[in-house]
Amino acid sequence: GDITRTSVTYPDGTGATFSPQFSTIGLTYARSLSDRITVGLTANLVSE
């Protein structure tokens, strides 16, 4: 959501806002090695 922008001069807010953007995008591959054992690998692209 929106966060109020503050400064030393305006500690209660300048009237402007900003909104942080955090996201993760993942790609996964998995397979069975036998009827009992499975393995998997995920690569995550992290953006902040």
All heavy atoms as atom14 arrays in JSON, in Angstrom:
{
  "sequence": "GDITRTSVTYPDGTGATFSPQFSTIGLTYARSLSDRITVGLTANLVSE",
  "atom14_mask": [
    [1, 1, 1, 1, 0, 0, 0, 0, 0, 0, 0, 0, 0, 0],
    [1, 1, 1, 1, 1, 1, 1, 1, 0, 0, 0, 0, 0, 0],
    [1, 1, 1, 1, 1, 1, 1, 1, 0, 0, 0, 0, 0, 0],
    [1, 1, 1, 1, 1, 1, 1, 0, 0, 0, 0, 0, 0, 0],
    [1, 1, 1, 1, 1, 1, 1, 1, 1, 1, 1, 0, 0, 0],
    [1, 1, 1, 1, 1, 1, 1, 0, 0, 0, 0, 0, 0, 0],
    [1, 1, 1, 1, 1, 1, 0, 0, 0, 0, 0, 0, 0, 0],
    [1, 1, 1, 1, 1, 1, 1, 0, 0, 0, 0, 0, 0, 0],
    [1, 1, 1, 1, 1, 1, 1, 0, 0, 0, 0, 0, 0, 0],
    [1, 1, 1, 1, 1, 1, 1, 1, 1, 1, 1, 1, 0, 0],
    [1, 1, 1, 1, 1, 1, 1, 0, 0, 0, 0, 0, 0, 0],
    [1, 1, 1, 1, 1, 1, 1, 1, 0, 0, 0, 0, 0, 0],
    [1, 1, 1, 1, 0, 0, 0, 0, 0, 0, 0, 0, 0, 0],
    [1, 1, 1, 1, 1, 1, 1, 0, 0, 0, 0, 0, 0, 0],
    [1, 1, 1, 1, 0, 0, 0, 0, 0, 0, 0, 0, 0, 0],
    [1, 1, 1, 1, 1, 0, 0, 0, 0, 0, 0, 0, 0, 0],
    [1, 1, 1, 1, 1, 1, 1, 0, 0, 0, 0, 0, 0, 0],
    [1, 1, 1, 1, 1, 1, 1, 1, 1, 1, 1, 0, 0, 0],
    [1, 1, 1, 1, 1, 1, 0, 0, 0, 0, 0, 0, 0, 0],
    [1, 1, 1, 1, 1, 1, 1, 0, 0, 0, 0, 0, 0, 0],
    [1, 1, 1, 1, 1, 1, 1, 1, 1, 0, 0, 0, 0, 0],
    [1, 1, 1, 1, 1, 1, 1, 1, 1, 1, 1, 0, 0, 0],
    [1, 1, 1, 1, 1, 1, 0, 0, 0, 0, 0, 0, 0, 0],
    [1, 1, 1, 1, 1, 1, 1, 0, 0, 0, 0, 0, 0, 0],
    [1, 1, 1, 1, 1, 1, 1, 1, 0, 0, 0, 0, 0, 0],
    [1, 1, 1, 1, 0, 0, 0, 0, 0, 0, 0, 0, 0, 0],
    [1, 1, 1, 1, 1, 1, 1, 1, 0, 0, 0, 0, 0, 0],
    [1, 1, 1, 1, 1, 1, 1, 0, 0, 0, 0, 0, 0, 0],
    [1, 1, 1, 1, 1, 1, 1, 1, 1, 1, 1, 1, 0, 0],
    [1, 1, 1, 1, 1, 0, 0, 0, 0, 0, 0, 0, 0, 0],
    [1, 1, 1, 1, 1, 1, 1, 1, 1, 1, 1, 0, 0, 0],
    [1, 1, 1, 1, 1, 1, 0, 0, 0, 0, 0, 0, 0, 0],
    [1, 1, 1, 1, 1, 1, 1, 1, 0, 0, 0, 0, 0, 0],
    [1, 1, 1, 1, 1, 1, 0, 0, 0, 0, 0, 0, 0, 0],
    [1, 1, 1, 1, 1, 1, 1, 1, 0, 0, 0, 0, 0, 0],
    [1, 1, 1, 1, 1, 1, 1, 1, 1, 1, 1, 0, 0, 0],
    [1, 1, 1, 1, 1, 1, 1, 1, 0, 0, 0, 0, 0, 0],
    [1, 1, 1, 1, 1, 1, 1, 0, 0, 0, 0, 0, 0, 0],
    [1, 1, 1, 1, 1, 1, 1, 0, 0, 0, 0, 0, 0, 0],
    [1, 1, 1, 1, 0, 0, 0, 0, 0, 0, 0, 0, 0, 0],
    [1, 1, 1, 1, 1, 1, 1, 1, 0, 0, 0, 0, 0, 0],
    [1, 1, 1, 1, 1, 1, 1, 0, 0, 0, 0, 0, 0, 0],
    [1, 1, 1, 1, 1, 0, 0, 0, 0, 0, 0, 0, 0, 0],
    [1, 1, 1, 1, 1, 1, 1, 1, 0, 0, 0, 0, 0, 0],
    [1, 1, 1, 1, 1, 1, 1, 1, 0, 0, 0, 0, 0, 0],
    [1, 1, 1, 1, 1, 1, 1, 0, 0, 0, 0, 0, 0, 0],
    [1, 1, 1, 1, 1, 1, 0, 0, 0, 0, 0, 0, 0, 0],
    [1, 1, 1, 1, 1, 1, 1, 1, 1, 0, 0, 0, 0, 0]
  ],
  "atom14_positions": [
    [[0.81, -1.21, 0.0], [0.0, 0.0, 0.0], [0.85, 1.26, 0.0], [2.08, 1.22, -0.08], [0.0, 0.0, 0.0], [0.0, 0.0, 0.0], [0.0, 0.0, 0.0], [0.0, 0.0, 0.0], [0.0, 0.0, 0.0], [0.0, 0.0, 0.0], [0.0, 0.0, 0.0], [0.0, 0.0, 0.0], [0.0, 0.0, 0.0], [0.0, 0.0, 0.0]],
    [[0.19, 2.4, 0.1], [0.88, 3.69, 0.05], [1.45, 4.04, 1.42], [0.8, 3.86, 2.45], [-0.08, 4.79, -0.4], [-0.5, 4.64, -1.85], [0.28, 4.03, -2.61], [-1.6, 5.1, -2.21], [0.0, 0.0, 0.0], [0.0, 0.0, 0.0], [0.0, 0.0, 0.0], [0.0, 0.0, 0.0], [0.0, 0.0, 0.0], [0.0, 0.0, 0.0]],
    [[2.66, 4.58, 1.42], [3.34, 5.04, 2.63], [3.58, 6.55, 2.49], [4.02, 7.02, 1.44], [4.68, 4.31, 2.83], [4.43, 2.82, 3.06], [5.45, 4.9, 4.01], [5.69, 2.0, 3.19], [0.0, 0.0, 0.0], [0.0, 0.0, 0.0], [0.0, 0.0, 0.0], [0.0, 0.0, 0.0], [0.0, 0.0, 0.0], [0.0, 0.0, 0.0]],
    [[3.27, 7.27, 3.53], [3.44, 8.72, 3.5], [4.91, 9.1, 3.47], [5.71, 8.59, 4.26], [2.77, 9.37, 4.72], [1.38, 9.02, 4.74], [2.92, 10.87, 4.71], [0.0, 0.0, 0.0], [0.0, 0.0, 0.0], [0.0, 0.0, 0.0], [0.0, 0.0, 0.0], [0.0, 0.0, 0.0], [0.0, 0.0, 0.0], [0.0, 0.0, 0.0]],
    [[5.26, 9.96, 2.55], [6.63, 10.45, 2.45], [6.88, 11.51, 3.53], [6.08, 12.43, 3.7], [6.9, 11.04, 1.08], [8.37, 11.36, 0.81], [8.53, 12.07, -0.52], [7.97, 11.27, -1.61], [8.64, 10.31, -2.25], [9.88, 10.02, -1.87], [8.08, 9.64, -3.23], [0.0, 0.0, 0.0], [0.0, 0.0, 0.0], [0.0, 0.0, 0.0]],
    [[7.97, 11.38, 4.27], [8.32, 12.32, 5.33], [9.71, 12.9, 5.08], [10.47, 12.39, 4.26], [8.29, 11.65, 6.72], [9.28, 10.61, 6.73], [6.92, 11.06, 7.01], [0.0, 0.0, 0.0], [0.0, 0.0, 0.0], [0.0, 0.0, 0.0], [0.0, 0.0, 0.0], [0.0, 0.0, 0.0], [0.0, 0.0, 0.0], [0.0, 0.0, 0.0]],
    [[10.01, 13.94, 5.79], [11.34, 14.56, 5.71], [11.66, 15.17, 7.06], [10.82, 15.2, 7.97], [11.38, 15.62, 4.61], [10.56, 16.71, 4.95], [0.0, 0.0, 0.0], [0.0, 0.0, 0.0], [0.0, 0.0, 0.0], [0.0, 0.0, 0.0], [0.0, 0.0, 0.0], [0.0, 0.0, 0.0], [0.0, 0.0, 0.0], [0.0, 0.0, 0.0]],
    [[12.89, 15.67, 7.2], [13.27, 16.33, 8.44], [12.4, 17.55, 8.68], [11.97, 17.84, 9.8], [14.76, 16.73, 8.4], [15.13, 17.53, 9.64], [15.64, 15.49, 8.27], [0.0, 0.0, 0.0], [0.0, 0.0, 0.0], [0.0, 0.0, 0.0], [0.0, 0.0, 0.0], [0.0, 0.0, 0.0], [0.0, 0.0, 0.0], [0.0, 0.0, 0.0]],
    [[12.1, 18.27, 7.61], [11.27, 19.47, 7.72], [9.81, 19.13, 7.97], [9.12, 19.82, 8.72], [11.39, 20.31, 6.44], [12.77, 20.55, 6.16], [10.68, 21.65, 6.6], [0.0, 0.0, 0.0], [0.0, 0.0, 0.0], [0.0, 0.0, 0.0], [0.0, 0.0, 0.0], [0.0, 0.0, 0.0], [0.0, 0.0, 0.0], [0.0, 0.0, 0.0]],
    [[9.34, 18.02, 7.37], [7.94, 17.61, 7.5], [7.87, 16.19, 8.05], [7.62, 15.23, 7.31], [7.23, 17.7, 6.15], [7.23, 19.07, 5.55], [8.16, 19.43, 4.57], [6.29, 20.03, 5.94], [8.16, 20.69, 4.01], [6.29, 21.3, 5.39], [7.23, 21.63, 4.42], [7.23, 22.88, 3.87], [0.0, 0.0, 0.0], [0.0, 0.0, 0.0]],
    [[8.11, 16.02, 9.34], [8.12, 14.67, 9.91], [6.75, 14.0, 9.9], [6.66, 12.78, 9.99], [8.6, 14.9, 11.35], [8.25, 16.33, 11.64], [8.41, 17.05, 10.34], [0.0, 0.0, 0.0], [0.0, 0.0, 0.0], [0.0, 0.0, 0.0], [0.0, 0.0, 0.0], [0.0, 0.0, 0.0], [0.0, 0.0, 0.0], [0.0, 0.0, 0.0]],
    [[5.67, 14.78, 9.79], [4.33, 14.21, 9.74], [3.85, 13.96, 8.32], [2.71, 13.52, 8.11], [3.33, 15.13, 10.44], [3.63, 15.25, 11.92], [4.06, 14.24, 12.51], [3.44, 16.35, 12.48], [0.0, 0.0, 0.0], [0.0, 0.0, 0.0], [0.0, 0.0, 0.0], [0.0, 0.0, 0.0], [0.0, 0.0, 0.0], [0.0, 0.0, 0.0]],
    [[4.69, 14.23, 7.33], [4.32, 13.97, 5.95], [4.42, 15.19, 5.08], [4.1, 16.3, 5.51], [0.0, 0.0, 0.0], [0.0, 0.0, 0.0], [0.0, 0.0, 0.0], [0.0, 0.0, 0.0], [0.0, 0.0, 0.0], [0.0, 0.0, 0.0], [0.0, 0.0, 0.0], [0.0, 0.0, 0.0], [0.0, 0.0, 0.0], [0.0, 0.0, 0.0]],
    [[4.88, 14.99, 3.84], [5.02, 16.08, 2.88], [3.78, 16.24, 2.01], [3.7, 17.17, 1.22], [6.22, 15.83, 1.96], [5.98, 14.63, 1.2], [7.5, 15.66, 2.77], [0.0, 0.0, 0.0], [0.0, 0.0, 0.0], [0.0, 0.0, 0.0], [0.0, 0.0, 0.0], [0.0, 0.0, 0.0], [0.0, 0.0, 0.0], [0.0, 0.0, 0.0]],
    [[2.83, 15.3, 2.15], [1.67, 15.31, 1.28], [1.79, 14.32, 0.13], [0.8, 14.02, -0.55], [0.0, 0.0, 0.0], [0.0, 0.0, 0.0], [0.0, 0.0, 0.0], [0.0, 0.0, 0.0], [0.0, 0.0, 0.0], [0.0, 0.0, 0.0], [0.0, 0.0, 0.0], [0.0, 0.0, 0.0], [0.0, 0.0, 0.0], [0.0, 0.0, 0.0]],
    [[3.0, 13.79, -0.09], [3.23, 12.8, -1.14], [3.32, 11.4, -0.54], [3.53, 11.24, 0.67], [4.52, 13.12, -1.9], [0.0, 0.0, 0.0], [0.0, 0.0, 0.0], [0.0, 0.0, 0.0], [0.0, 0.0, 0.0], [0.0, 0.0, 0.0], [0.0, 0.0, 0.0], [0.0, 0.0, 0.0], [0.0, 0.0, 0.0], [0.0, 0.0, 0.0]],
    [[3.14, 10.39, -1.36], [3.23, 9.0, -0.91], [4.08, 8.2, -1.9], [4.34, 8.63, -3.03], [1.83, 8.35, -0.82], [1.22, 8.36, -2.11], [0.95, 9.09, 0.18], [0.0, 0.0, 0.0], [0.0, 0.0, 0.0], [0.0, 0.0, 0.0], [0.0, 0.0, 0.0], [0.0, 0.0, 0.0], [0.0, 0.0, 0.0], [0.0, 0.0, 0.0]],
    [[4.5, 7.03, -1.45], [5.16, 6.07, -2.34], [4.7, 4.68, -1.94], [4.25, 4.44, -0.82], [6.69, 6.19, -2.27], [7.28, 5.79, -0.95], [7.79, 4.5, -0.77], [7.34, 6.69, 0.11], [8.35, 4.13, 0.46], [7.9, 6.32, 1.33], [8.4, 5.05, 1.5], [0.0, 0.0, 0.0], [0.0, 0.0, 0.0], [0.0, 0.0, 0.0]],
    [[4.8, 3.74, -2.87], [4.32, 2.38, -2.64], [5.42, 1.38, -2.96], [5.77, 1.2, -4.13], [3.08, 2.09, -3.5], [2.61, 0.78, -3.27], [0.0, 0.0, 0.0], [0.0, 0.0, 0.0], [0.0, 0.0, 0.0], [0.0, 0.0, 0.0], [0.0, 0.0, 0.0], [0.0, 0.0, 0.0], [0.0, 0.0, 0.0], [0.0, 0.0, 0.0]],
    [[5.98, 0.7, -1.97], [7.01, -0.32, -2.22], [6.45, -1.47, -3.06], [5.28, -1.86, -2.91], [7.4, -0.79, -0.82], [6.99, 0.31, 0.09], [5.75, 0.9, -0.52], [0.0, 0.0, 0.0], [0.0, 0.0, 0.0], [0.0, 0.0, 0.0], [0.0, 0.0, 0.0], [0.0, 0.0, 0.0], [0.0, 0.0, 0.0], [0.0, 0.0, 0.0]],
    [[7.29, -2.04, -3.9], [6.91, -3.16, -4.75], [7.86, -4.33, -4.48], [9.05, -4.24, -4.76], [6.98, -2.76, -6.23], [6.14, -1.56, -6.6], [4.65, -1.82, -6.44], [4.16, -2.9, -6.73], [3.92, -0.81, -5.95], [0.0, 0.0, 0.0], [0.0, 0.0, 0.0], [0.0, 0.0, 0.0], [0.0, 0.0, 0.0], [0.0, 0.0, 0.0]],
    [[7.31, -5.41, -3.91], [8.09, -6.6, -3.61], [7.47, -7.78, -4.37], [6.26, -8.02, -4.26], [8.07, -6.91, -2.12], [8.98, -6.04, -1.29], [9.02, -4.67, -1.46], [9.8, -6.61, -0.33], [9.85, -3.87, -0.7], [10.64, -5.82, 0.44], [10.67, -4.44, 0.26], [0.0, 0.0, 0.0], [0.0, 0.0, 0.0], [0.0, 0.0, 0.0]],
    [[8.27, -8.53, -5.11], [7.73, -9.66, -5.86], [8.78, -10.75, -6.02], [9.99, -10.5, -5.95], [7.24, -9.22, -7.24], [8.32, -8.73, -8.02], [0.0, 0.0, 0.0], [0.0, 0.0, 0.0], [0.0, 0.0, 0.0], [0.0, 0.0, 0.0], [0.0, 0.0, 0.0], [0.0, 0.0, 0.0], [0.0, 0.0, 0.0], [0.0, 0.0, 0.0]],
    [[8.29, -11.97, -6.22], [9.15, -13.13, -6.48], [8.52, -13.93, -7.62], [7.33, -14.26, -7.57], [9.28, -14.03, -5.24], [9.79, -13.28, -4.15], [10.21, -15.2, -5.52], [0.0, 0.0, 0.0], [0.0, 0.0, 0.0], [0.0, 0.0, 0.0], [0.0, 0.0, 0.0], [0.0, 0.0, 0.0], [0.0, 0.0, 0.0], [0.0, 0.0, 0.0]],
    [[9.32, -14.24, -8.62], [8.87, -15.07, -9.74], [9.72, -16.34, -9.74], [10.96, -16.26, -9.79], [9.0, -14.33, -11.08], [8.16, -13.05, -11.06], [8.57, -15.23, -12.23], [8.33, -12.2, -12.31], [0.0, 0.0, 0.0], [0.0, 0.0, 0.0], [0.0, 0.0, 0.0], [0.0, 0.0, 0.0], [0.0, 0.0, 0.0], [0.0, 0.0, 0.0]],
    [[9.07, -17.5, -9.68], [9.79, -18.75, -9.57], [9.49, -19.71, -10.71], [8.36, -19.79, -11.2], [0.0, 0.0, 0.0], [0.0, 0.0, 0.0], [0.0, 0.0, 0.0], [0.0, 0.0, 0.0], [0.0, 0.0, 0.0], [0.0, 0.0, 0.0], [0.0, 0.0, 0.0], [0.0, 0.0, 0.0], [0.0, 0.0, 0.0], [0.0, 0.0, 0.0]],
    [[10.51, -20.44, -11.13], [10.38, -21.48, -12.15], [10.88, -22.78, -11.55], [12.0, -22.84, -11.01], [11.19, -21.11, -13.41], [11.12, -22.1, -14.58], [9.7, -22.2, -15.1], [12.08, -21.67, -15.68], [0.0, 0.0, 0.0], [0.0, 0.0, 0.0], [0.0, 0.0, 0.0], [0.0, 0.0, 0.0], [0.0, 0.0, 0.0], [0.0, 0.0, 0.0]],
    [[10.07, -23.84, -11.63], [10.37, -25.1, -10.95], [10.39, -26.26, -11.93], [9.59, -26.32, -12.87], [9.31, -25.39, -9.87], [9.32, -24.34, -8.9], [9.59, -26.72, -9.16], [0.0, 0.0, 0.0], [0.0, 0.0, 0.0], [0.0, 0.0, 0.0], [0.0, 0.0, 0.0], [0.0, 0.0, 0.0], [0.0, 0.0, 0.0], [0.0, 0.0, 0.0]],
    [[11.33, -27.18, -11.68], [11.36, -28.46, -12.39], [11.48, -29.56, -11.36], [12.3, -29.48, -10.43], [12.54, -28.54, -13.36], [12.73, -29.92, -13.94], [11.83, -30.43, -14.88], [13.79, -30.73, -13.55], [11.99, -31.7, -15.42], [13.95, -31.99, -14.08], [13.05, -32.47, -15.0], [13.21, -33.74, -15.53], [0.0, 0.0, 0.0], [0.0, 0.0, 0.0]],
    [[10.65, -30.6, -11.49], [10.69, -31.72, -10.56], [10.4, -33.01, -11.31], [9.68, -33.01, -12.32], [9.66, -31.52, -9.44], [0.0, 0.0, 0.0], [0.0, 0.0, 0.0], [0.0, 0.0, 0.0], [0.0, 0.0, 0.0], [0.0, 0.0, 0.0], [0.0, 0.0, 0.0], [0.0, 0.0, 0.0], [0.0, 0.0, 0.0], [0.0, 0.0, 0.0]],
    [[10.95, -34.11, -10.79], [10.68, -35.4, -11.41], [10.89, -36.51, -10.41], [11.54, -36.33, -9.37], [11.56, -35.64, -12.63], [13.04, -35.78, -12.37], [13.75, -36.27, -13.62], [13.24, -37.56, -14.03], [13.38, -38.07, -15.26], [14.0, -37.36, -16.19], [12.9, -39.27, -15.56], [0.0, 0.0, 0.0], [0.0, 0.0, 0.0], [0.0, 0.0, 0.0]],
    [[10.34, -37.67, -10.73], [10.5, -38.86, -9.9], [11.73, -39.64, -10.33], [11.91, -39.9, -11.52], [9.26, -39.75, -10.01], [8.11, -39.08, -9.55], [0.0, 0.0, 0.0], [0.0, 0.0, 0.0], [0.0, 0.0, 0.0], [0.0, 0.0, 0.0], [0.0, 0.0, 0.0], [0.0, 0.0, 0.0], [0.0, 0.0, 0.0], [0.0, 0.0, 0.0]],
    [[12.57, -39.98, -9.35], [13.72, -40.84, -9.64], [13.36, -42.3, -9.49], [13.99, -43.17, -10.09], [14.87, -40.5, -8.68], [15.4, -39.07, -8.75], [16.58, -38.9, -7.79], [15.82, -38.7, -10.17], [0.0, 0.0, 0.0], [0.0, 0.0, 0.0], [0.0, 0.0, 0.0], [0.0, 0.0, 0.0], [0.0, 0.0, 0.0], [0.0, 0.0, 0.0]],
    [[12.33, -42.59, -8.7], [11.82, -43.93, -8.52], [10.4, -43.81, -8.0], [9.86, -42.7, -7.89], [12.7, -44.73, -7.55], [12.57, -44.23, -6.23], [0.0, 0.0, 0.0], [0.0, 0.0, 0.0], [0.0, 0.0, 0.0], [0.0, 0.0, 0.0], [0.0, 0.0, 0.0], [0.0, 0.0, 0.0], [0.0, 0.0, 0.0], [0.0, 0.0, 0.0]],
    [[9.76, -44.93, -7.67], [8.41, -44.86, -7.13], [8.38, -44.29, -5.73], [7.31, -43.99, -5.19], [7.77, -46.25, -7.15], [8.57, -47.26, -6.32], [9.76, -46.99, -6.04], [8.01, -48.31, -5.97], [0.0, 0.0, 0.0], [0.0, 0.0, 0.0], [0.0, 0.0, 0.0], [0.0, 0.0, 0.0], [0.0, 0.0, 0.0], [0.0, 0.0, 0.0]],
    [[9.56, -44.09, -5.12], [9.63, -43.55, -3.76], [10.3, -42.2, -3.66], [10.0, -41.42, -2.77], [10.38, -44.53, -2.85], [9.7, -45.87, -2.67], [10.44, -46.71, -1.64], [9.81, -48.01, -1.44], [10.18, -48.89, -0.52], [11.2, -48.6, 0.28], [9.56, -50.04, -0.4], [0.0, 0.0, 0.0], [0.0, 0.0, 0.0], [0.0, 0.0, 0.0]],
    [[11.24, -41.91, -4.54], [12.08, -40.71, -4.42], [11.75, -39.71, -5.51], [11.68, -40.05, -6.7], [13.58, -41.08, -4.48], [13.93, -42.09, -3.4], [14.44, -39.83, -4.33], [15.36, -42.61, -3.49], [0.0, 0.0, 0.0], [0.0, 0.0, 0.0], [0.0, 0.0, 0.0], [0.0, 0.0, 0.0], [0.0, 0.0, 0.0], [0.0, 0.0, 0.0]],
    [[11.53, -38.45, -5.11], [11.34, -37.35, -6.04], [12.28, -36.21, -5.68], [12.66, -36.04, -4.52], [9.89, -36.83, -6.02], [9.55, -36.44, -4.68], [8.91, -37.89, -6.49], [0.0, 0.0, 0.0], [0.0, 0.0, 0.0], [0.0, 0.0, 0.0], [0.0, 0.0, 0.0], [0.0, 0.0, 0.0], [0.0, 0.0, 0.0], [0.0, 0.0, 0.0]],
    [[12.67, -35.43, -6.69], [13.56, -34.28, -6.48], [12.97, -33.08, -7.21], [12.23, -33.22, -8.19], [14.99, -34.56, -6.99], [15.64, -35.67, -6.17], [14.98, -34.92, -8.47], [0.0, 0.0, 0.0], [0.0, 0.0, 0.0], [0.0, 0.0, 0.0], [0.0, 0.0, 0.0], [0.0, 0.0, 0.0], [0.0, 0.0, 0.0], [0.0, 0.0, 0.0]],
    [[13.3, -31.89, -6.72], [12.81, -30.67, -7.35], [13.77, -29.52, -7.17], [14.52, -29.46, -6.18], [0.0, 0.0, 0.0], [0.0, 0.0, 0.0], [0.0, 0.0, 0.0], [0.0, 0.0, 0.0], [0.0, 0.0, 0.0], [0.0, 0.0, 0.0], [0.0, 0.0, 0.0], [0.0, 0.0, 0.0], [0.0, 0.0, 0.0], [0.0, 0.0, 0.0]],
    [[13.75, -28.6, -8.13], [14.6, -27.41, -8.09], [13.79, -26.21, -8.53], [13.1, -26.24, -9.54], [15.82, -27.58, -9.02], [16.69, -26.35, -9.23], [17.41, -25.97, -7.93], [17.71, -26.59, -10.35], [0.0, 0.0, 0.0], [0.0, 0.0, 0.0], [0.0, 0.0, 0.0], [0.0, 0.0, 0.0], [0.0, 0.0, 0.0], [0.0, 0.0, 0.0]],
    [[13.87, -25.12, -7.74], [13.19, -23.87, -8.06], [14.2, -22.74, -8.14], [15.06, -22.61, -7.26], [12.13, -23.52, -7.0], [11.12, -24.52, -6.98], [11.47, -22.18, -7.31], [0.0, 0.0, 0.0], [0.0, 0.0, 0.0], [0.0, 0.0, 0.0], [0.0, 0.0, 0.0], [0.0, 0.0, 0.0], [0.0, 0.0, 0.0], [0.0, 0.0, 0.0]],
    [[14.11, -21.93, -9.19], [14.9, -20.7, -9.31], [13.96, -19.51, -9.13], [12.97, -19.38, -9.86], [15.58, -20.64, -10.67], [0.0, 0.0, 0.0], [0.0, 0.0, 0.0], [0.0, 0.0, 0.0], [0.0, 0.0, 0.0], [0.0, 0.0, 0.0], [0.0, 0.0, 0.0], [0.0, 0.0, 0.0], [0.0, 0.0, 0.0], [0.0, 0.0, 0.0]],
    [[14.23, -18.68, -8.14], [13.39, -17.52, -7.82], [14.09, -16.22, -8.19], [15.23, -15.98, -7.76], [13.05, -17.48, -6.33], [12.03, -18.53, -5.93], [11.03, -18.71, -6.61], [12.29, -19.23, -4.84], [0.0, 0.0, 0.0], [0.0, 0.0, 0.0], [0.0, 0.0, 0.0], [0.0, 0.0, 0.0], [0.0, 0.0, 0.0], [0.0, 0.0, 0.0]],
    [[13.42, -15.4, -8.98], [13.89, -14.05, -9.27], [13.25, -13.1, -8.27], [12.03, -12.97, -8.24], [13.55, -13.65, -10.69], [13.95, -12.23, -11.12], [15.48, -12.08, -11.12], [13.39, -11.89, -12.49], [0.0, 0.0, 0.0], [0.0, 0.0, 0.0], [0.0, 0.0, 0.0], [0.0, 0.0, 0.0], [0.0, 0.0, 0.0], [0.0, 0.0, 0.0]],
    [[14.07, -12.46, -7.45], [13.59, -11.6, -6.37], [13.74, -10.14, -6.78], [14.82, -9.72, -7.21], [14.37, -11.87, -5.06], [13.81, -11.03, -3.92], [14.33, -13.35, -4.72], [0.0, 0.0, 0.0], [0.0, 0.0, 0.0], [0.0, 0.0, 0.0], [0.0, 0.0, 0.0], [0.0, 0.0, 0.0], [0.0, 0.0, 0.0], [0.0, 0.0, 0.0]],
    [[12.68, -9.36, -6.63], [12.71, -7.94, -6.98], [12.13, -7.13, -5.84], [11.05, -7.45, -5.33], [11.91, -7.69, -8.26], [11.83, -6.3, -8.55], [0.0, 0.0, 0.0], [0.0, 0.0, 0.0], [0.0, 0.0, 0.0], [0.0, 0.0, 0.0], [0.0, 0.0, 0.0], [0.0, 0.0, 0.0], [0.0, 0.0, 0.0], [0.0, 0.0, 0.0]],
    [[12.85, -6.09, -5.43], [12.39, -5.2, -4.36], [12.64, -3.76, -4.78], [13.76, -3.39, -5.16], [13.13, -5.5, -3.05], [12.93, -6.92, -2.55], [13.56, -7.16, -1.18], [14.24, -6.25, -0.66], [13.37, -8.26, -0.65], [0.0, 0.0, 0.0], [0.0, 0.0, 0.0], [0.0, 0.0, 0.0], [0.0, 0.0, 0.0], [0.0, 0.0, 0.0]]
  ]
}
